[in-house]
C-alpha atoms as a PDB file:
ATOM      1  CA  MET A   1      13.457 -22.340   4.800  1.00  0.00           C
ATOM      2  CA  SER A   2      15.192 -19.775   2.592  1.00  0.00           C
ATOM      3  CA  GLN A   3      15.475 -16.033   2.910  1.00  0.00           C
ATOM      4  CA  TYR A   4      14.178 -13.682   0.227  1.00  0.00           C
ATOM      5  CA  LEU A   5      14.484  -9.982  -0.478  1.00  0.00           C
ATOM      6  CA  VAL A   6      11.214  -8.334  -1.483  1.00  0.00           C
ATOM      7  CA  ALA A   7      12.258  -4.922  -2.828  1.00  0.00           C
ATOM      8  CA  ILE A   8       9.889  -2.085  -3.710  1.00  0.00           C
ATOM      9  CA  HIS A   9      10.913   0.002  -6.743  1.00  0.00           C
ATOM     10  CA  LEU A  10       9.803   3.630  -6.797  1.00  0.00           C
ATOM     11  CA  PRO A  11      10.289   6.243  -9.513  1.00  0.00           C
ATOM     12  CA  ASP A  12      12.695   9.076  -8.724  1.00  0.00           C
ATOM     13  CA  ASN A  13       9.830  11.571  -8.629  1.00  0.00           C
ATOM     14  CA  PHE A  14       7.624   9.443  -6.320  1.00  0.00           C
ATOM     15  CA  ASN A  15       5.338  11.760  -4.373  1.00  0.00           C
ATOM     16  CA  PRO A  16       1.927  10.257  -3.615  1.00  0.00           C
ATOM     17  CA  SER A  17      -0.961  12.538  -2.766  1.00  0.00           C
ATOM     18  CA  ALA A  18      -1.727  12.886   0.937  1.00  0.00           C
ATOM     19  CA  ALA A  19      -4.890  10.776   0.632  1.00  0.00           C
ATOM     20  CA  ASP A  20      -3.164   8.010  -1.322  1.00  0.00           C
ATOM     21  CA  GLU A  21      -0.143   8.099   1.000  1.00  0.00           C
ATOM     22  CA  ALA A  22      -2.374   7.547   4.059  1.00  0.00           C
ATOM     23  CA  ALA A  23      -4.218   4.650   2.390  1.00  0.00           C
ATOM     24  CA  MET A  24      -0.941   3.131   1.200  1.00  0.00           C
ATOM     25  CA  GLY A  25       0.529   3.445   4.704  1.00  0.00           C
ATOM     26  CA  ARG A  26      -2.456   1.603   6.163  1.00  0.00           C
ATOM     27  CA  ASP A  27      -2.138  -1.141   3.537  1.00  0.00           C
ATOM     28  CA  ILE A  28       1.577  -1.539   4.215  1.00  0.00           C
ATOM     29  CA  ASP A  29       0.941  -1.656   7.985  1.00  0.00           C
ATOM     30  CA  THR A  30      -1.668  -4.374   7.418  1.00  0.00           C
ATOM     31  CA  LEU A  31       0.758  -6.346   5.255  1.00  0.00           C
ATOM     32  CA  ASN A  32       3.487  -6.013   7.907  1.00  0.00           C
ATOM     33  CA  GLU A  33       1.090  -7.295  10.579  1.00  0.00           C
ATOM     34  CA  GLU A  34       0.160 -10.237   8.340  1.00  0.00           C
ATOM     35  CA  MET A  35       3.838 -11.065   7.736  1.00  0.00           C
ATOM     36  CA  VAL A  36       4.610 -10.943  11.463  1.00  0.00           C
ATOM     37  CA  ALA A  37       1.577 -13.134  12.265  1.00  0.00           C
ATOM     38  CA  ALA A  38       2.717 -15.661   9.642  1.00  0.00           C
ATOM     39  CA  GLY A  39       6.233 -15.654  11.112  1.00  0.00           C
ATOM     40  CA  VAL A  40       7.935 -14.810   7.794  1.00  0.00           C
ATOM     41  CA  ARG A  41       9.170 -11.252   8.361  1.00  0.00           C
ATOM     42  CA  ILE A  42      12.789 -11.027   9.461  1.00  0.00           C
ATOM     43  CA  PHE A  43      13.457  -7.364   8.731  1.00  0.00           C
ATOM     44  CA  VAL A  44      11.758  -4.441   6.995  1.00  0.00           C
ATOM     45  CA  GLY A  45      13.126  -1.057   6.032  1.00  0.00           C
ATOM     46  CA  GLY A  46      12.205   2.040   4.104  1.00  0.00           C
ATOM     47  CA  LEU A  47      14.883   4.077   2.372  1.00  0.00           C
ATOM     48  CA  THR A  48      15.338   7.800   1.860  1.00  0.00           C
ATOM     49  CA  PRO A  49      15.083   9.028  -1.750  1.00  0.00           C
ATOM     50  CA  ALA A  50      17.902   7.948  -4.084  1.00  0.00           C
ATOM     51  CA  ARG A  51      18.968  11.579  -4.492  1.00  0.00           C
ATOM     52  CA  GLU A  52      20.146  11.467  -0.856  1.00  0.00           C
ATOM     53  CA  ALA A  53      22.388   8.432  -1.460  1.00  0.00           C
ATOM     54  CA  LYS A  54      26.187   8.503  -1.423  1.00  0.00           C
ATOM     55  CA  SER A  55      28.135   6.210  -3.736  1.00  0.00           C
ATOM     56  CA  LEU A  56      31.615   4.928  -2.994  1.00  0.00           C
ATOM     57  CA  ARG A  57      33.998   3.607  -5.659  1.00  0.00           C
ATOM     58  CA  ALA A  58      37.507   2.229  -5.351  1.00  0.00           C
ATOM     59  CA  GLN A  59      40.061   4.138  -7.420  1.00  0.00           C
ATOM     60  CA  PRO A  60      43.186   2.719  -9.108  1.00  0.00           C
ATOM     61  CA  ASP A  61      45.404   4.554  -6.593  1.00  0.00           C
ATOM     62  CA  GLY A  62      43.762   2.684  -3.708  1.00  0.00           C
ATOM     63  CA  LYS A  63      41.692   5.643  -2.537  1.00  0.00           C
ATOM     64  CA  VAL A  64      37.906   5.652  -2.337  1.00  0.00           C
ATOM     65  CA  LEU A  65      35.890   8.244  -4.231  1.00  0.00           C
ATOM     66  CA  THR A  66      32.619   9.357  -2.599  1.00  0.00           C
ATOM     67  CA  THR A  67      30.022  11.026  -4.799  1.00  0.00           C
ATOM     68  CA  ASP A  68      26.475  12.292  -4.319  1.00  0.00           C
ATOM     69  CA  GLY A  69      23.605  10.230  -5.647  1.00  0.00           C
ATOM     70  CA  PRO A  70      22.890   6.598  -6.343  1.00  0.00           C
ATOM     71  CA  TYR A  71      25.424   4.198  -7.808  1.00  0.00           C
ATOM     72  CA  LEU A  72      23.203   3.435 -10.802  1.00  0.00           C
ATOM     73  CA  GLU A  73      21.651   6.069 -13.024  1.00  0.00           C
ATOM     74  CA  THR A  74      18.107   4.738 -13.445  1.00  0.00           C
ATOM     75  CA  LYS A  75      14.565   6.079 -13.409  1.00  0.00           C
ATOM     76  CA  GLU A  76      13.543   3.819 -10.476  1.00  0.00           C
ATOM     77  CA  HIS A  77      15.317   2.927  -7.256  1.00  0.00           C
ATOM     78  CA  ILE A  78      14.640   0.684  -4.285  1.00  0.00           C
ATOM     79  CA  GLY A  79      12.409   2.633  -1.921  1.00  0.00           C
ATOM     80  CA  GLY A  80      12.044  -0.037   0.745  1.00  0.00           C
ATOM     81  CA  PHE A  81      12.285  -3.752   1.304  1.00  0.00           C
ATOM     82  CA  TRP A  82      11.466  -6.783   3.399  1.00  0.00           C
ATOM     83  CA  VAL A  83      13.667  -9.724   4.235  1.00  0.00           C
ATOM     84  CA  LEU A  84      11.409 -12.759   4.551  1.00  0.00           C
ATOM     85  CA  GLU A  85      11.937 -16.372   5.503  1.00  0.00           C
ATOM     86  CA  ALA A  86       9.766 -18.507   3.257  1.00  0.00           C
ATOM     87  CA  ALA A  87       9.496 -22.197   2.453  1.00  0.00           C
ATOM     88  CA  ASP A  88      10.215 -21.602  -1.238  1.00  0.00           C
ATOM     89  CA  LEU A  89      10.133 -19.081  -4.067  1.00  0.00           C
ATOM     90  CA  ASP A  90       6.402 -19.603  -4.600  1.00  0.00           C
ATOM     91  CA  GLU A  91       5.654 -18.495  -1.046  1.00  0.00           C
ATOM     92  CA  ALA A  92       7.994 -15.489  -1.400  1.00  0.00           C
ATOM     93  CA  LEU A  93       6.248 -14.539  -4.662  1.00  0.00           C
ATOM     94  CA  ALA A  94       2.862 -14.730  -2.923  1.00  0.00           C
ATOM     95  CA  TRP A  95       4.105 -12.154  -0.399  1.00  0.00           C
ATOM     96  CA  GLY A  96       5.557 -10.109  -3.274  1.00  0.00           C
ATOM     97  CA  ARG A  97       2.141 -10.010  -4.935  1.00  0.00           C
ATOM     98  CA  LYS A  98       0.653  -8.610  -1.729  1.00  0.00           C
ATOM     99  CA  ALA A  99       3.463  -6.047  -1.566  1.00  0.00           C
ATOM    100  CA  VAL A 100       2.733  -4.857  -5.123  1.00  0.00           C
ATOM    101  CA  VAL A 101      -0.860  -4.131  -4.123  1.00  0.00           C
ATOM    102  CA  ALA A 102      -0.023  -2.511  -0.760  1.00  0.00           C
ATOM    103  CA  CYS A 103       2.826  -0.350  -2.082  1.00  0.00           C
ATOM    104  CA  ARG A 104       1.277   0.455  -5.441  1.00  0.00           C
ATOM    105  CA  ALA A 105       4.686  -0.052  -7.045  1.00  0.00           C
ATOM    106  CA  PRO A 106       6.722  -2.747  -8.810  1.00  0.00           C
ATOM    107  CA  VAL A 107       8.344  -5.370  -6.603  1.00  0.00           C
ATOM    108  CA  GLU A 108      11.403  -7.566  -7.118  1.00  0.00           C
ATOM    109  CA  VAL A 109      11.767 -10.887  -5.265  1.00  0.00           C
ATOM    110  CA  ARG A 110      15.212 -12.476  -4.976  1.00  0.00           C
ATOM    111  CA  ALA A 111      16.630 -15.292  -2.887  1.00  0.00           C
ATOM    112  CA  PHE A 112      19.674 -14.706  -0.708  1.00  0.00           C
ATOM    113  CA  GLY A 113      22.672 -16.822  -1.550  1.00  0.00           C
ATOM    114  CA  ILE A 114      23.135 -19.232  -4.396  1.00  0.00           C
ATOM    115  CA  PRO A 115      19.995 -21.218  -5.255  1.00  0.00           C
ATOM    116  CA  THR A 116      20.348 -24.964  -5.021  1.00  0.00           C
END
């Protein structure tokens, strides 16, 4: 079994309507219950908006510079994620497809470690 990151990408201005947010929350809860029942979910987490991030960078003088905002300047950021234990990439992608539907957002699936 390998571990996979299933990351949800949200636009910076993500702000679902109250009705859609409630339906999406129910769909995500259902997906979480399905993952737990299947024994694949190791960890799940939602993140605060990227604008609340702090970035740290090493400086040539050995000090660390802390700045407001995300490390990367992009239009989308990771809004939440699952760490799953799956038999192979195909199984992880099947869960990713369910996550796309539940979260109504693009999903990235990546294996932990170096693939063999």
